[in-house]
């Protein structure tokens, strides 16, 4: 569609603007979706690690303060049962 302005000037077709706007919008939408997926994955991994640590701590708490050696074994055992491992086990009085 060509428009004619007063004085005889013509303006070209404007139909290509939609393609540009859709392309820019699609890039922004895909960027936001990728960011949301990354954050959700990070949250899920963090929650799994926290669950493993919580299970190990609860298992060890049953043996304290009588036997710290048995508490360490129980913590390692429960961590491995929940799909993780415990590198360092420490106890403190609070």
N, C-alpha and C. Protein backbone atom coordinates (compact mmCIF):
# COMPACT_ATOMS: atom_id res chain seq x y z
N UNK A 1 0.85 -1.16 0.00
CA UNK A 1 0.00 0.00 0.00
C UNK A 1 0.90 1.23 0.00
N UNK A 2 0.68 2.10 -0.93
CA UNK A 2 1.48 3.31 -1.04
C UNK A 2 0.59 4.50 -0.70
N UNK A 3 1.16 5.36 0.10
CA UNK A 3 0.42 6.58 0.47
C UNK A 3 0.96 7.76 -0.33
N UNK A 4 0.08 8.64 -0.64
CA UNK A 4 0.48 9.87 -1.32
C UNK A 4 0.18 11.03 -0.39
N UNK A 5 1.19 11.77 -0.08
CA UNK A 5 1.05 12.93 0.79
C UNK A 5 0.74 14.16 -0.04
N UNK A 6 0.21 15.16 0.59
CA UNK A 6 -0.03 16.41 -0.15
C UNK A 6 1.27 16.91 -0.78
N UNK A 7 1.22 17.27 -1.98
CA UNK A 7 2.40 17.71 -2.71
C UNK A 7 2.94 16.63 -3.60
N UNK A 8 2.34 15.42 -3.57
CA UNK A 8 2.74 14.35 -4.47
C UNK A 8 3.79 13.39 -3.94
N UNK A 9 4.29 13.57 -2.71
CA UNK A 9 5.29 12.65 -2.16
C UNK A 9 4.64 11.33 -1.81
N UNK A 10 5.34 10.21 -2.08
CA UNK A 10 4.80 8.89 -1.75
C UNK A 10 5.68 8.24 -0.68
N UNK A 11 5.05 7.41 0.13
CA UNK A 11 5.73 6.68 1.21
C UNK A 11 5.59 5.20 0.92
N UNK A 12 6.66 4.42 1.09
CA UNK A 12 6.65 2.99 0.79
C UNK A 12 5.80 2.19 1.76
N UNK A 13 5.71 0.92 1.52
CA UNK A 13 4.93 0.01 2.33
C UNK A 13 5.52 -0.12 3.73
N UNK A 14 4.67 -0.26 4.73
CA UNK A 14 5.10 -0.39 6.12
C UNK A 14 4.87 -1.80 6.64
N UNK A 15 4.62 -2.76 5.79
CA UNK A 15 4.27 -4.11 6.24
C UNK A 15 5.45 -4.87 6.85
N UNK A 16 6.68 -4.50 6.61
CA UNK A 16 7.84 -5.20 7.16
C UNK A 16 8.10 -4.89 8.62
N UNK A 17 7.45 -3.91 9.18
CA UNK A 17 7.67 -3.55 10.58
C UNK A 17 7.24 -4.65 11.53
N UNK A 18 6.22 -5.38 11.20
CA UNK A 18 5.72 -6.44 12.07
C UNK A 18 6.78 -7.53 12.25
N UNK A 19 7.47 -7.88 11.19
CA UNK A 19 8.50 -8.91 11.27
C UNK A 19 9.61 -8.49 12.23
N UNK A 20 10.03 -7.26 12.16
CA UNK A 20 11.08 -6.75 13.04
C UNK A 20 10.61 -6.74 14.49
N UNK A 21 9.40 -6.27 14.74
CA UNK A 21 8.87 -6.24 16.10
C UNK A 21 8.72 -7.64 16.68
N UNK A 22 8.26 -8.59 15.89
CA UNK A 22 8.12 -9.97 16.36
C UNK A 22 9.49 -10.56 16.67
N UNK A 23 10.49 -10.29 15.84
CA UNK A 23 11.84 -10.83 16.07
C UNK A 23 12.43 -10.28 17.36
N UNK A 24 12.30 -9.00 17.58
CA UNK A 24 12.82 -8.39 18.81
C UNK A 24 12.08 -8.93 20.03
N UNK A 25 10.78 -9.04 19.94
CA UNK A 25 9.98 -9.56 21.05
C UNK A 25 10.33 -11.02 21.35
N UNK A 26 10.56 -11.80 20.30
CA UNK A 26 10.90 -13.20 20.49
C UNK A 26 12.24 -13.36 21.19
N UNK A 27 13.20 -12.54 20.84
CA UNK A 27 14.50 -12.60 21.51
C UNK A 27 14.34 -12.26 23.00
N UNK A 28 13.58 -11.26 23.32
CA UNK A 28 13.35 -10.88 24.72
C UNK A 28 12.61 -11.98 25.47
N UNK A 29 11.61 -12.56 24.86
CA UNK A 29 10.84 -13.62 25.50
C UNK A 29 11.70 -14.86 25.75
N UNK A 30 12.50 -15.25 24.78
CA UNK A 30 13.38 -16.40 24.97
C UNK A 30 14.44 -16.13 26.02
N UNK A 31 14.93 -14.91 26.11
CA UNK A 31 15.89 -14.55 27.15
C UNK A 31 15.29 -14.68 28.53
N UNK A 32 14.07 -14.19 28.70
CA UNK A 32 13.40 -14.29 29.99
C UNK A 32 13.10 -15.75 30.35
N UNK A 33 12.70 -16.55 29.38
CA UNK A 33 12.43 -17.97 29.63
C UNK A 33 13.71 -18.70 30.03
N UNK A 34 14.81 -18.41 29.37
CA UNK A 34 16.08 -19.03 29.74
C UNK A 34 16.51 -18.66 31.14
N UNK A 35 16.34 -17.39 31.51
CA UNK A 35 16.69 -16.96 32.86
C UNK A 35 15.82 -17.66 33.90
N UNK A 36 14.53 -17.79 33.63
CA UNK A 36 13.62 -18.47 34.56
C UNK A 36 14.01 -19.93 34.74
N UNK A 37 14.39 -20.59 33.67
CA UNK A 37 14.81 -21.99 33.76
C UNK A 37 16.09 -22.12 34.58
N UNK A 38 17.04 -21.21 34.37
CA UNK A 38 18.28 -21.25 35.14
C UNK A 38 18.03 -21.05 36.63
N UNK A 39 17.19 -20.11 36.98
CA UNK A 39 16.89 -19.85 38.39
C UNK A 39 16.17 -21.04 39.01
N UNK A 40 15.23 -21.63 38.30
CA UNK A 40 14.50 -22.79 38.83
C UNK A 40 15.43 -23.98 39.03
N UNK A 41 16.36 -24.19 38.12
CA UNK A 41 17.32 -25.29 38.26
C UNK A 41 18.23 -25.06 39.46
N UNK A 42 18.72 -23.83 39.62
CA UNK A 42 19.55 -23.52 40.77
C UNK A 42 18.80 -23.76 42.07
N UNK A 43 17.55 -23.32 42.14
CA UNK A 43 16.74 -23.49 43.34
C UNK A 43 16.53 -24.97 43.65
N UNK A 44 16.28 -25.78 42.63
CA UNK A 44 16.05 -27.21 42.83
C UNK A 44 17.31 -27.90 43.35
N UNK A 45 18.45 -27.58 42.79
CA UNK A 45 19.71 -28.18 43.25
C UNK A 45 20.01 -27.75 44.69
N UNK A 46 19.80 -26.48 44.99
CA UNK A 46 20.04 -25.99 46.34
C UNK A 46 19.12 -26.68 47.35
N UNK A 47 17.87 -26.86 46.99
CA UNK A 47 16.92 -27.51 47.90
C UNK A 47 17.30 -28.98 48.14
N UNK A 48 17.78 -29.69 47.10
CA UNK A 48 18.20 -31.08 47.24
C UNK A 48 19.39 -31.18 48.19
N UNK A 49 20.37 -30.29 48.04
CA UNK A 49 21.53 -30.31 48.92
C UNK A 49 21.14 -30.01 50.36
N UNK A 50 20.21 -29.09 50.55
CA UNK A 50 19.76 -28.76 51.90
C UNK A 50 19.02 -29.93 52.52
N UNK A 51 18.24 -30.67 51.75
CA UNK A 51 17.54 -31.84 52.26
C UNK A 51 18.52 -32.92 52.71
N UNK A 52 19.59 -33.11 51.96
CA UNK A 52 20.61 -34.10 52.32
C UNK A 52 21.28 -33.69 53.63
N UNK A 53 21.63 -32.42 53.76
CA UNK A 53 22.27 -31.94 54.99
C UNK A 53 21.32 -32.05 56.18
N UNK A 54 20.05 -31.74 55.99
CA UNK A 54 19.08 -31.84 57.07
C UNK A 54 18.91 -33.29 57.54
N UNK A 55 18.83 -34.22 56.60
CA UNK A 55 18.68 -35.63 56.96
C UNK A 55 19.90 -36.13 57.74
N UNK A 56 21.09 -35.72 57.32
CA UNK A 56 22.31 -36.13 58.01
C UNK A 56 22.34 -35.54 59.42
N UNK A 57 21.94 -34.29 59.58
CA UNK A 57 21.95 -33.65 60.89
C UNK A 57 20.95 -34.30 61.84
N UNK A 58 19.78 -34.62 61.36
CA UNK A 58 18.77 -35.26 62.20
C UNK A 58 19.22 -36.66 62.61
N UNK A 59 19.84 -37.38 61.70
CA UNK A 59 20.33 -38.73 62.03
C UNK A 59 21.43 -38.67 63.08
N UNK A 60 22.31 -37.69 62.98
CA UNK A 60 23.41 -37.56 63.94
C UNK A 60 22.92 -37.08 65.29
N UNK A 61 21.87 -36.29 65.32
CA UNK A 61 21.38 -35.71 66.58
C UNK A 61 20.92 -36.77 67.57
N UNK A 62 20.47 -37.89 67.08
CA UNK A 62 20.01 -38.95 67.97
C UNK A 62 21.12 -39.59 68.80
N UNK A 63 22.35 -39.54 68.33
CA UNK A 63 23.47 -40.15 69.02
C UNK A 63 24.24 -39.18 69.91
N UNK A 64 23.95 -37.92 69.80
CA UNK A 64 24.69 -36.92 70.58
C UNK A 64 24.03 -36.71 71.92
N UNK A 65 24.73 -36.37 72.94
CA UNK A 65 26.15 -36.10 73.08
C UNK A 65 26.96 -37.34 73.49
N UNK A 66 26.35 -38.51 73.51
CA UNK A 66 27.03 -39.70 74.03
C UNK A 66 28.14 -40.21 73.12
N UNK A 67 27.89 -40.27 71.82
CA UNK A 67 28.86 -40.88 70.92
C UNK A 67 28.99 -40.06 69.64
N UNK A 68 30.05 -39.25 69.59
CA UNK A 68 30.25 -38.45 68.39
C UNK A 68 30.71 -39.32 67.22
N UNK A 69 31.40 -40.41 67.51
CA UNK A 69 31.83 -41.32 66.44
C UNK A 69 30.64 -41.96 65.74
N UNK A 70 29.69 -42.45 66.52
CA UNK A 70 28.48 -43.05 65.95
C UNK A 70 27.64 -42.01 65.23
N UNK A 71 27.61 -40.80 65.78
CA UNK A 71 26.87 -39.71 65.13
C UNK A 71 27.46 -39.41 63.75
N UNK A 72 28.78 -39.41 63.63
CA UNK A 72 29.43 -39.18 62.34
C UNK A 72 29.10 -40.28 61.35
N UNK A 73 29.11 -41.52 61.82
CA UNK A 73 28.76 -42.64 60.94
C UNK A 73 27.31 -42.54 60.47
N UNK A 74 26.42 -42.22 61.39
CA UNK A 74 25.00 -42.09 61.03
C UNK A 74 24.78 -40.94 60.04
N UNK A 75 25.47 -39.83 60.25
CA UNK A 75 25.33 -38.70 59.33
C UNK A 75 25.80 -39.08 57.93
N UNK A 76 26.93 -39.74 57.83
CA UNK A 76 27.44 -40.17 56.52
C UNK A 76 26.50 -41.18 55.87
N UNK A 77 25.98 -42.10 56.68
CA UNK A 77 25.07 -43.12 56.15
C UNK A 77 23.78 -42.51 55.60
N UNK A 78 23.18 -41.60 56.36
CA UNK A 78 21.92 -40.99 55.91
C UNK A 78 22.14 -40.06 54.72
N UNK A 79 23.30 -39.42 54.67
CA UNK A 79 23.59 -38.56 53.51
C UNK A 79 23.69 -39.40 52.25
N UNK A 80 24.36 -40.55 52.33
CA UNK A 80 24.50 -41.41 51.14
C UNK A 80 23.16 -42.04 50.76
N UNK A 81 22.32 -42.36 51.74
CA UNK A 81 20.99 -42.91 51.43
C UNK A 81 20.12 -41.89 50.69
N UNK A 82 20.37 -40.61 50.93
CA UNK A 82 19.59 -39.55 50.28
C UNK A 82 20.24 -39.02 49.01
N UNK A 83 21.27 -39.70 48.53
CA UNK A 83 21.86 -39.34 47.25
C UNK A 83 22.97 -38.31 47.32
N UNK A 84 23.60 -38.14 48.46
CA UNK A 84 24.68 -37.17 48.59
C UNK A 84 25.82 -37.72 49.40
N UNK A 85 26.71 -36.86 49.78
CA UNK A 85 27.82 -37.24 50.64
C UNK A 85 28.15 -36.06 51.55
N UNK A 86 28.80 -36.39 52.64
CA UNK A 86 29.20 -35.36 53.59
C UNK A 86 30.72 -35.35 53.64
N UNK A 87 31.33 -34.24 53.28
CA UNK A 87 32.79 -34.15 53.28
C UNK A 87 33.35 -33.90 54.67
N UNK A 88 32.72 -33.02 55.40
CA UNK A 88 33.21 -32.64 56.73
C UNK A 88 32.06 -32.71 57.71
N UNK A 89 32.32 -33.38 58.82
CA UNK A 89 31.30 -33.46 59.87
C UNK A 89 31.91 -32.86 61.12
N UNK A 90 31.23 -31.89 61.70
CA UNK A 90 31.71 -31.25 62.91
C UNK A 90 30.57 -31.08 63.90
N UNK A 91 30.92 -31.06 65.17
CA UNK A 91 29.93 -30.92 66.23
C UNK A 91 30.33 -29.75 67.10
N UNK A 92 29.33 -29.02 67.56
CA UNK A 92 29.59 -27.91 68.49
C UNK A 92 28.46 -27.81 69.49
N UNK A 93 28.79 -27.33 70.67
CA UNK A 93 27.77 -27.11 71.69
C UNK A 93 27.18 -25.72 71.51
N UNK A 94 25.87 -25.64 71.56
CA UNK A 94 25.25 -24.32 71.45
C UNK A 94 24.30 -24.09 72.58
